[in-house]
Amino acid sequence: MNENVVAKILFIIGIAQMSIGIIVGLILGNADYYGVMNWSIFFTWAIGGFVSGMLFLGFSEIIKLLHMINEKTPSLTKEAFHNMKPLEGDSSVSWTLEELDKEKIKEKYIDEDISEIVPSPKEGFCLVKFKGDSGYYVKVVDVDRFGIEEVHDSEIKYAIIAWYNKLN
């Protein structure tokens, strides 16, 4: 996994701020005319440097975590989409979509122009084709539950879309 440069720079800045806060605190705390350490000046600079340094370390950690999440999330290019495999096994549809479920789909997407509702070979899932301003687009929905839910599981979603593309 690649390391994020911004996170590394913020980490270094945070460590530097904490170190510089302590060093400046020691220098200014000892700058008294009588050579006595002024602890209030030292602690002011040390605590200020520590707090600002920890903020930078926190931002660094957040960017590191976001980078790790981004690395684990697969990006879907057009080429990868067309190379996806359709549903395995029997690709015939063995169930029928009830009229009540069709009405629920139409109610859920009332503001969109539905051109086709196609039950998929995977029972309980169907593909809904919409007509938009820039052409057609599809969504995979689950009708097996109490209501209609759009499918967000990329494996199921793209397998059904690949099956549909194979039909046409």
N, C-alpha and C. Protein backbone atom coordinates (compact mmCIF):
# COMPACT_ATOMS: atom_id res chain seq x y z
N MET A 1 0.84 -1.17 0.00
CA MET A 1 0.00 0.00 0.00
C MET A 1 0.89 1.24 0.00
N ASN A 2 0.54 2.20 -0.82
CA ASN A 2 1.28 3.45 -0.89
C ASN A 2 1.02 4.27 0.36
N GLU A 3 2.06 4.98 0.81
CA GLU A 3 1.90 5.84 1.96
C GLU A 3 1.50 7.23 1.48
N ASN A 4 0.63 7.87 2.22
CA ASN A 4 0.14 9.18 1.83
C ASN A 4 1.15 10.25 2.25
N VAL A 5 1.59 11.05 1.29
CA VAL A 5 2.61 12.06 1.53
C VAL A 5 2.07 13.17 2.42
N VAL A 6 0.84 13.59 2.21
CA VAL A 6 0.26 14.67 3.01
C VAL A 6 0.18 14.25 4.48
N ALA A 7 -0.22 13.01 4.73
CA ALA A 7 -0.30 12.52 6.11
C ALA A 7 1.08 12.52 6.76
N LYS A 8 2.07 12.12 6.00
CA LYS A 8 3.44 12.09 6.53
C LYS A 8 3.94 13.50 6.84
N ILE A 9 3.66 14.46 5.96
CA ILE A 9 4.08 15.85 6.19
C ILE A 9 3.39 16.42 7.43
N LEU A 10 2.08 16.17 7.56
CA LEU A 10 1.37 16.67 8.75
C LEU A 10 1.90 16.03 10.03
N PHE A 11 2.28 14.77 9.96
CA PHE A 11 2.85 14.08 11.12
C PHE A 11 4.17 14.75 11.53
N ILE A 12 5.02 15.02 10.56
CA ILE A 12 6.31 15.67 10.84
C ILE A 12 6.11 17.07 11.40
N ILE A 13 5.16 17.82 10.84
CA ILE A 13 4.86 19.17 11.35
C ILE A 13 4.38 19.08 12.80
N GLY A 14 3.55 18.10 13.11
CA GLY A 14 3.04 17.94 14.48
C GLY A 14 4.16 17.65 15.47
N ILE A 15 5.07 16.74 15.11
CA ILE A 15 6.20 16.42 15.99
C ILE A 15 7.09 17.66 16.15
N ALA A 16 7.31 18.38 15.04
CA ALA A 16 8.15 19.58 15.10
C ALA A 16 7.53 20.65 15.99
N GLN A 17 6.22 20.82 15.92
CA GLN A 17 5.56 21.83 16.76
C GLN A 17 5.68 21.48 18.23
N MET A 18 5.54 20.21 18.57
CA MET A 18 5.68 19.82 19.97
C MET A 18 7.11 20.05 20.46
N SER A 19 8.08 19.68 19.63
CA SER A 19 9.49 19.87 20.00
C SER A 19 9.84 21.34 20.13
N ILE A 20 9.43 22.13 19.15
CA ILE A 20 9.73 23.56 19.16
C ILE A 20 9.05 24.25 20.34
N GLY A 21 7.85 23.82 20.70
CA GLY A 21 7.15 24.39 21.86
C GLY A 21 7.94 24.18 23.14
N ILE A 22 8.50 22.99 23.31
CA ILE A 22 9.31 22.71 24.51
C ILE A 22 10.61 23.52 24.49
N ILE A 23 11.28 23.55 23.32
CA ILE A 23 12.55 24.27 23.22
C ILE A 23 12.35 25.77 23.44
N VAL A 24 11.35 26.37 22.80
CA VAL A 24 11.08 27.80 22.98
C VAL A 24 10.69 28.08 24.43
N GLY A 25 9.94 27.18 25.04
CA GLY A 25 9.56 27.33 26.45
C GLY A 25 10.78 27.34 27.35
N LEU A 26 11.72 26.44 27.08
CA LEU A 26 12.96 26.42 27.88
C LEU A 26 13.78 27.69 27.68
N ILE A 27 13.90 28.14 26.44
CA ILE A 27 14.70 29.34 26.16
C ILE A 27 14.08 30.57 26.79
N LEU A 28 12.78 30.78 26.56
CA LEU A 28 12.13 31.98 27.10
C LEU A 28 11.93 31.90 28.61
N GLY A 29 11.77 30.69 29.13
CA GLY A 29 11.63 30.53 30.59
C GLY A 29 12.92 30.83 31.31
N ASN A 30 14.07 30.58 30.67
CA ASN A 30 15.37 30.86 31.26
C ASN A 30 15.88 32.26 30.93
N ALA A 31 15.14 33.03 30.19
CA ALA A 31 15.59 34.35 29.76
C ALA A 31 15.47 35.40 30.85
N ASP A 32 15.16 34.97 32.05
CA ASP A 32 15.02 35.90 33.16
C ASP A 32 16.38 36.55 33.48
N TYR A 33 16.33 37.78 33.91
CA TYR A 33 17.55 38.55 34.19
C TYR A 33 18.34 37.93 35.34
N TYR A 34 17.63 37.30 36.28
CA TYR A 34 18.30 36.74 37.46
C TYR A 34 18.70 35.29 37.26
N GLY A 35 18.40 34.70 36.11
CA GLY A 35 18.78 33.30 35.84
C GLY A 35 17.85 32.29 36.49
N VAL A 36 16.68 32.71 36.94
CA VAL A 36 15.71 31.82 37.56
C VAL A 36 14.71 31.37 36.49
N MET A 37 14.36 30.10 36.53
CA MET A 37 13.43 29.54 35.54
C MET A 37 12.02 30.05 35.81
N ASN A 38 11.38 30.63 34.79
CA ASN A 38 10.00 31.09 34.89
C ASN A 38 9.11 29.97 34.33
N TRP A 39 8.54 29.19 35.24
CA TRP A 39 7.79 27.99 34.85
C TRP A 39 6.50 28.32 34.12
N SER A 40 5.89 29.43 34.40
CA SER A 40 4.63 29.76 33.72
C SER A 40 4.87 30.00 32.22
N ILE A 41 5.97 30.65 31.88
CA ILE A 41 6.29 30.85 30.45
C ILE A 41 6.62 29.50 29.80
N PHE A 42 7.40 28.66 30.51
CA PHE A 42 7.75 27.36 29.96
C PHE A 42 6.49 26.52 29.69
N PHE A 43 5.60 26.43 30.68
CA PHE A 43 4.40 25.60 30.51
C PHE A 43 3.45 26.18 29.46
N THR A 44 3.38 27.48 29.33
CA THR A 44 2.54 28.09 28.30
C THR A 44 3.01 27.66 26.91
N TRP A 45 4.31 27.77 26.66
CA TRP A 45 4.84 27.38 25.36
C TRP A 45 4.79 25.87 25.16
N ALA A 46 5.09 25.10 26.17
CA ALA A 46 5.11 23.63 26.04
C ALA A 46 3.71 23.09 25.79
N ILE A 47 2.73 23.59 26.56
CA ILE A 47 1.36 23.11 26.38
C ILE A 47 0.80 23.58 25.04
N GLY A 48 1.08 24.83 24.65
CA GLY A 48 0.63 25.32 23.34
C GLY A 48 1.22 24.51 22.20
N GLY A 49 2.51 24.22 22.29
CA GLY A 49 3.16 23.40 21.26
C GLY A 49 2.60 21.98 21.22
N PHE A 50 2.33 21.42 22.42
CA PHE A 50 1.79 20.07 22.49
C PHE A 50 0.39 19.99 21.87
N VAL A 51 -0.46 20.95 22.21
CA VAL A 51 -1.84 20.94 21.71
C VAL A 51 -1.87 21.13 20.19
N SER A 52 -1.13 22.11 19.69
CA SER A 52 -1.13 22.32 18.23
C SER A 52 -0.48 21.16 17.50
N GLY A 53 0.56 20.56 18.10
CA GLY A 53 1.18 19.39 17.49
C GLY A 53 0.25 18.20 17.46
N MET A 54 -0.52 18.00 18.52
CA MET A 54 -1.47 16.89 18.55
C MET A 54 -2.59 17.09 17.53
N LEU A 55 -2.98 18.33 17.29
CA LEU A 55 -3.98 18.59 16.25
C LEU A 55 -3.45 18.14 14.88
N PHE A 56 -2.20 18.48 14.60
CA PHE A 56 -1.62 18.06 13.34
C PHE A 56 -1.47 16.54 13.27
N LEU A 57 -1.10 15.90 14.39
CA LEU A 57 -1.01 14.43 14.41
C LEU A 57 -2.39 13.81 14.18
N GLY A 58 -3.43 14.41 14.74
CA GLY A 58 -4.79 13.91 14.54
C GLY A 58 -5.22 14.02 13.08
N PHE A 59 -4.96 15.17 12.47
CA PHE A 59 -5.28 15.33 11.05
C PHE A 59 -4.49 14.33 10.20
N SER A 60 -3.25 14.11 10.59
CA SER A 60 -2.42 13.14 9.87
C SER A 60 -3.04 11.75 9.94
N GLU A 61 -3.51 11.37 11.12
CA GLU A 61 -4.11 10.04 11.29
C GLU A 61 -5.42 9.92 10.50
N ILE A 62 -6.21 10.98 10.49
CA ILE A 62 -7.46 10.96 9.72
C ILE A 62 -7.17 10.77 8.23
N ILE A 63 -6.19 11.49 7.71
CA ILE A 63 -5.84 11.35 6.29
C ILE A 63 -5.29 9.95 6.02
N LYS A 64 -4.52 9.40 6.94
CA LYS A 64 -4.00 8.04 6.78
C LYS A 64 -5.14 7.02 6.69
N LEU A 65 -6.13 7.17 7.60
CA LEU A 65 -7.26 6.24 7.60
C LEU A 65 -8.11 6.39 6.33
N LEU A 66 -8.34 7.62 5.90
CA LEU A 66 -9.10 7.83 4.67
C LEU A 66 -8.35 7.26 3.47
N HIS A 67 -7.05 7.38 3.48
CA HIS A 67 -6.25 6.82 2.39
C HIS A 67 -6.36 5.29 2.37
N MET A 68 -6.33 4.67 3.57
CA MET A 68 -6.47 3.21 3.63
C MET A 68 -7.84 2.77 3.13
N ILE A 69 -8.88 3.50 3.49
CA ILE A 69 -10.23 3.18 3.02
C ILE A 69 -10.30 3.32 1.50
N ASN A 70 -9.70 4.39 0.98
CA ASN A 70 -9.71 4.61 -0.46
C ASN A 70 -8.95 3.51 -1.19
N GLU A 71 -7.87 3.01 -0.61
CA GLU A 71 -7.10 1.93 -1.23
C GLU A 71 -7.90 0.64 -1.28
N LYS A 72 -8.73 0.40 -0.26
CA LYS A 72 -9.51 -0.84 -0.19
C LYS A 72 -10.76 -0.79 -1.06
N THR A 73 -11.25 0.42 -1.37
CA THR A 73 -12.46 0.57 -2.17
C THR A 73 -12.11 0.37 -3.64
N PRO A 74 -12.75 -0.60 -4.28
CA PRO A 74 -12.42 -0.81 -5.69
C PRO A 74 -13.01 0.29 -6.57
N SER A 75 -12.21 0.77 -7.48
CA SER A 75 -12.74 1.74 -8.43
C SER A 75 -13.22 0.97 -9.65
N LEU A 76 -14.33 1.39 -10.19
CA LEU A 76 -14.95 0.66 -11.29
C LEU A 76 -14.83 1.47 -12.56
N THR A 77 -13.91 1.05 -13.40
CA THR A 77 -13.75 1.71 -14.69
C THR A 77 -14.68 1.06 -15.70
N LYS A 78 -14.86 1.69 -16.83
CA LYS A 78 -15.73 1.12 -17.85
C LYS A 78 -15.20 -0.24 -18.31
N GLU A 79 -13.88 -0.36 -18.44
CA GLU A 79 -13.29 -1.62 -18.88
C GLU A 79 -13.57 -2.73 -17.87
N ALA A 80 -13.40 -2.43 -16.60
CA ALA A 80 -13.67 -3.42 -15.56
C ALA A 80 -15.15 -3.78 -15.53
N PHE A 81 -16.01 -2.80 -15.76
CA PHE A 81 -17.45 -3.06 -15.77
C PHE A 81 -17.82 -4.04 -16.88
N HIS A 82 -17.25 -3.86 -18.07
CA HIS A 82 -17.59 -4.74 -19.18
C HIS A 82 -16.96 -6.12 -19.04
N ASN A 83 -15.93 -6.26 -18.21
CA ASN A 83 -15.30 -7.56 -18.00
C ASN A 83 -15.92 -8.34 -16.86
N MET A 84 -16.91 -7.78 -16.18
CA MET A 84 -17.54 -8.48 -15.07
C MET A 84 -18.33 -9.67 -15.57
N LYS A 85 -18.39 -10.68 -14.73
CA LYS A 85 -19.10 -11.90 -15.10
C LYS A 85 -20.57 -11.79 -14.73
N PRO A 86 -21.44 -12.27 -15.60
CA PRO A 86 -22.87 -12.27 -15.25
C PRO A 86 -23.15 -13.33 -14.20
N LEU A 87 -24.41 -13.41 -13.78
CA LEU A 87 -24.79 -14.40 -12.78
C LEU A 87 -24.43 -15.80 -13.24
N GLU A 88 -23.82 -16.56 -12.33
CA GLU A 88 -23.42 -17.92 -12.68
C GLU A 88 -24.60 -18.86 -12.53
N GLY A 89 -24.49 -20.00 -13.15
CA GLY A 89 -25.55 -21.00 -13.07
C GLY A 89 -26.65 -20.73 -14.09
N ASP A 90 -27.84 -21.19 -13.77
CA ASP A 90 -28.98 -21.04 -14.66
C ASP A 90 -29.36 -19.56 -14.74
N SER A 91 -29.35 -19.01 -15.94
CA SER A 91 -29.65 -17.58 -16.09
C SER A 91 -31.10 -17.34 -16.48
N SER A 92 -31.95 -18.34 -16.37
CA SER A 92 -33.36 -18.13 -16.66
C SER A 92 -34.07 -17.64 -15.40
N VAL A 93 -35.08 -16.84 -15.60
CA VAL A 93 -35.83 -16.26 -14.49
C VAL A 93 -36.90 -17.25 -14.06
N SER A 94 -36.84 -17.68 -12.79
CA SER A 94 -37.77 -18.70 -12.31
C SER A 94 -38.84 -18.14 -11.38
N TRP A 95 -38.97 -16.84 -11.31
CA TRP A 95 -39.97 -16.22 -10.46
C TRP A 95 -40.62 -15.06 -11.21
N THR A 96 -41.77 -14.66 -10.74
CA THR A 96 -42.47 -13.56 -11.41
C THR A 96 -42.59 -12.39 -10.44
N LEU A 97 -42.53 -11.22 -11.01
CA LEU A 97 -42.66 -9.99 -10.22
C LEU A 97 -44.14 -9.66 -10.12
N GLU A 98 -44.62 -9.56 -8.90
CA GLU A 98 -46.04 -9.29 -8.69
C GLU A 98 -46.36 -7.83 -9.01
N GLU A 99 -47.62 -7.60 -9.36
CA GLU A 99 -48.08 -6.24 -9.70
C GLU A 99 -47.91 -5.29 -8.52
N LEU A 100 -48.12 -5.80 -7.30
CA LEU A 100 -47.96 -4.98 -6.10
C LEU A 100 -46.52 -4.47 -5.99
N ASP A 101 -45.55 -5.35 -6.28
CA ASP A 101 -44.14 -4.95 -6.24
C ASP A 101 -43.83 -3.93 -7.33
N LYS A 102 -44.43 -4.11 -8.50
CA LYS A 102 -44.23 -3.13 -9.58
C LYS A 102 -44.76 -1.76 -9.17
N GLU A 103 -45.90 -1.75 -8.51
CA GLU A 103 -46.48 -0.48 -8.05
C GLU A 103 -45.60 0.16 -6.98
N LYS A 104 -45.02 -0.66 -6.10
CA LYS A 104 -44.12 -0.12 -5.07
C LYS A 104 -42.89 0.51 -5.72
N ILE A 105 -42.37 -0.13 -6.76
CA ILE A 105 -41.21 0.41 -7.47
C ILE A 105 -41.58 1.74 -8.12
N LYS A 106 -42.75 1.78 -8.75
CA LYS A 106 -43.20 3.01 -9.40
C LYS A 106 -43.41 4.13 -8.39
N GLU A 107 -43.89 3.79 -7.18
CA GLU A 107 -44.09 4.79 -6.14
C GLU A 107 -42.75 5.31 -5.61
N LYS A 108 -41.79 4.39 -5.46
CA LYS A 108 -40.47 4.79 -4.94
C LYS A 108 -39.75 5.73 -5.91
N TYR A 109 -39.87 5.44 -7.18
CA TYR A 109 -39.21 6.25 -8.21
C TYR A 109 -40.22 7.08 -8.99
N ILE A 110 -41.12 7.72 -8.27
CA ILE A 110 -42.21 8.46 -8.90
C ILE A 110 -41.71 9.65 -9.73
N ASP A 111 -40.58 10.23 -9.34
CA ASP A 111 -40.05 11.40 -10.05
C ASP A 111 -39.18 11.03 -11.23
N GLU A 112 -38.96 9.73 -11.44
CA GLU A 112 -38.10 9.29 -12.53
C GLU A 112 -38.92 8.57 -13.59
N ASP A 113 -38.42 8.58 -14.81
CA ASP A 113 -39.13 7.99 -15.95
C ASP A 113 -38.70 6.53 -16.11
N ILE A 114 -39.51 5.61 -15.58
CA ILE A 114 -39.20 4.17 -15.66
C ILE A 114 -39.59 3.67 -17.04
N SER A 115 -38.64 3.03 -17.73
CA SER A 115 -38.96 2.50 -19.05
C SER A 115 -39.14 0.98 -19.02
N GLU A 116 -38.54 0.31 -18.02
CA GLU A 116 -38.64 -1.15 -17.99
C GLU A 116 -38.33 -1.65 -16.59
N ILE A 117 -39.05 -2.69 -16.15
CA ILE A 117 -38.77 -3.38 -14.90
C ILE A 117 -38.58 -4.85 -15.25
N VAL A 118 -37.37 -5.39 -14.98
CA VAL A 118 -37.04 -6.75 -15.40
C VAL A 118 -36.65 -7.58 -14.18
N PRO A 119 -37.38 -8.68 -13.90
CA PRO A 119 -36.96 -9.58 -12.82
C PRO A 119 -35.67 -10.31 -13.24
N SER A 120 -34.76 -10.48 -12.29
CA SER A 120 -33.48 -11.12 -12.59
C SER A 120 -33.52 -12.60 -12.20
N PRO A 121 -32.54 -13.37 -12.64
CA PRO A 121 -32.48 -14.78 -12.24
C PRO A 121 -32.29 -14.96 -10.73
N LYS A 122 -31.74 -13.97 -10.08
CA LYS A 122 -31.56 -14.03 -8.63
C LYS A 122 -32.88 -13.58 -8.00
N GLU A 123 -33.57 -14.51 -7.37
CA GLU A 123 -34.92 -14.25 -6.88
C GLU A 123 -34.95 -13.09 -5.88
N GLY A 124 -35.93 -12.22 -6.06
CA GLY A 124 -36.10 -11.09 -5.17
C GLY A 124 -35.42 -9.83 -5.66
N PHE A 125 -34.63 -9.94 -6.70
CA PHE A 125 -33.92 -8.77 -7.24
C PHE A 125 -34.42 -8.50 -8.65
N CYS A 126 -34.60 -7.24 -8.96
CA CYS A 126 -34.96 -6.90 -10.32
C CYS A 126 -34.21 -5.64 -10.76
N LEU A 127 -34.13 -5.50 -12.06
CA LEU A 127 -33.43 -4.39 -12.66
C LEU A 127 -34.47 -3.39 -13.16
N VAL A 128 -34.27 -2.13 -12.79
CA VAL A 128 -35.19 -1.08 -13.22
C VAL A 128 -34.43 -0.17 -14.16
N LYS A 129 -34.96 -0.02 -15.38
CA LYS A 129 -34.31 0.82 -16.39
C LYS A 129 -35.04 2.15 -16.46
N PHE A 130 -34.28 3.22 -16.40
CA PHE A 130 -34.82 4.57 -16.41
C PHE A 130 -34.36 5.31 -17.66
N LYS A 131 -35.17 6.27 -18.08
CA LYS A 131 -34.77 7.15 -19.17
C LYS A 131 -34.49 8.52 -18.58
N GLY A 132 -33.25 8.98 -18.77
CA GLY A 132 -32.85 10.29 -18.27
C GLY A 132 -32.57 11.23 -19.41
N ASP A 133 -32.14 12.43 -19.07
CA ASP A 133 -31.83 13.44 -20.08
C ASP A 133 -30.68 13.03 -20.97
N SER A 134 -29.70 12.33 -20.39
CA SER A 134 -28.51 11.96 -21.16
C SER A 134 -28.54 10.50 -21.62
N GLY A 135 -29.67 9.85 -21.54
CA GLY A 135 -29.78 8.46 -22.00
C GLY A 135 -30.41 7.58 -20.93
N TYR A 136 -30.21 6.28 -21.10
CA TYR A 136 -30.78 5.31 -20.18
C TYR A 136 -29.80 4.97 -19.07
N TYR A 137 -30.31 4.65 -17.88
CA TYR A 137 -29.51 4.16 -16.78
C TYR A 137 -30.34 3.15 -16.01
N VAL A 138 -29.67 2.32 -15.22
CA VAL A 138 -30.36 1.24 -14.51
C VAL A 138 -30.02 1.26 -13.03
N LYS A 139 -30.93 0.69 -12.25
CA LYS A 139 -30.71 0.46 -10.82
C LYS A 139 -31.19 -0.95 -10.52
N VAL A 140 -30.51 -1.60 -9.59
CA VAL A 140 -30.92 -2.93 -9.14
C VAL A 140 -31.62 -2.75 -7.80
N VAL A 141 -32.82 -3.31 -7.68
CA VAL A 141 -33.60 -3.17 -6.45
C VAL A 141 -33.95 -4.54 -5.88
N ASP A 142 -34.10 -4.57 -4.57
CA ASP A 142 -34.47 -5.77 -3.84
C ASP A 142 -35.94 -5.64 -3.48
N VAL A 143 -36.76 -6.56 -3.96
CA VAL A 143 -38.20 -6.53 -3.67
C VAL A 143 -38.59 -7.61 -2.67
N ASP A 144 -37.61 -8.32 -2.14
CA ASP A 144 -37.87 -9.43 -1.23
C ASP A 144 -38.18 -8.97 0.19
N ARG A 145 -37.86 -7.76 0.53
CA ARG A 145 -38.06 -7.27 1.89
C ARG A 145 -39.43 -6.61 2.00
N PHE A 146 -39.66 -5.93 3.10
CA PHE A 146 -40.95 -5.28 3.32
C PHE A 146 -41.21 -4.17 2.32
N GLY A 147 -40.18 -3.45 1.98
CA GLY A 147 -40.31 -2.37 1.01
C GLY A 147 -39.36 -2.60 -0.15
N ILE A 148 -39.20 -1.60 -0.95
CA ILE A 148 -38.29 -1.66 -2.09
C ILE A 148 -36.98 -0.97 -1.67
N GLU A 149 -35.87 -1.70 -1.81
CA GLU A 149 -34.57 -1.14 -1.45
C GLU A 149 -33.63 -1.23 -2.63
N GLU A 150 -32.90 -0.15 -2.86
CA GLU A 150 -31.88 -0.18 -3.90
C GLU A 150 -30.69 -1.00 -3.39
N VAL A 151 -30.15 -1.86 -4.25
CA VAL A 151 -29.05 -2.73 -3.87
C VAL A 151 -27.74 -1.94 -3.93
N HIS A 152 -26.95 -2.04 -2.85
CA HIS A 152 -25.66 -1.36 -2.80
C HIS A 152 -24.50 -2.36 -2.80
N ASP A 153 -24.80 -3.65 -2.72
CA ASP A 153 -23.77 -4.68 -2.77
C ASP A 153 -23.27 -4.77 -4.21
N SER A 154 -22.03 -4.34 -4.44
CA SER A 154 -21.53 -4.21 -5.80
C SER A 154 -21.46 -5.55 -6.52
N GLU A 155 -21.20 -6.62 -5.80
CA GLU A 155 -21.10 -7.93 -6.45
C GLU A 155 -22.45 -8.35 -7.05
N ILE A 156 -23.50 -8.23 -6.27
CA ILE A 156 -24.85 -8.58 -6.75
C ILE A 156 -25.29 -7.61 -7.84
N LYS A 157 -25.08 -6.35 -7.58
CA LYS A 157 -25.53 -5.30 -8.50
C LYS A 157 -24.92 -5.47 -9.89
N TYR A 158 -23.61 -5.61 -9.95
CA TYR A 158 -22.96 -5.68 -11.25
C TYR A 158 -23.12 -7.04 -11.93
N ALA A 159 -23.35 -8.09 -11.14
CA ALA A 159 -23.66 -9.40 -11.75
C ALA A 159 -25.01 -9.34 -12.46
N ILE A 160 -25.98 -8.68 -11.85
CA ILE A 160 -27.31 -8.56 -12.47
C ILE A 160 -27.25 -7.63 -13.69
N ILE A 161 -26.50 -6.55 -13.59
CA ILE A 161 -26.36 -5.65 -14.73
C ILE A 161 -25.65 -6.35 -15.89
N ALA A 162 -24.62 -7.15 -15.58
CA ALA A 162 -23.92 -7.90 -16.63
C ALA A 162 -24.85 -8.93 -17.26
N TRP A 163 -25.70 -9.57 -16.45
CA TRP A 163 -26.68 -10.52 -17.00
C TRP A 163 -27.63 -9.79 -17.94
N TYR A 164 -28.11 -8.62 -17.54
CA TYR A 164 -29.03 -7.85 -18.37
C TYR A 164 -28.35 -7.41 -19.69
N ASN A 165 -27.10 -6.98 -19.60
CA ASN A 165 -26.38 -6.56 -20.80
C ASN A 165 -26.19 -7.74 -21.75
N LYS A 166 -26.04 -8.93 -21.21
CA LYS A 166 -25.89 -10.13 -22.04
C LYS A 166 -27.19 -10.47 -22.77
N LEU A 167 -28.34 -10.09 -22.15
CA LEU A 167 -29.63 -10.33 -22.81
C LEU A 167 -29.77 -9.49 -24.07
N ASN A 168 -29.27 -8.27 -24.02
CA ASN A 168 -29.47 -7.34 -25.13
C ASN A 168 -28.40 -7.45 -26.16
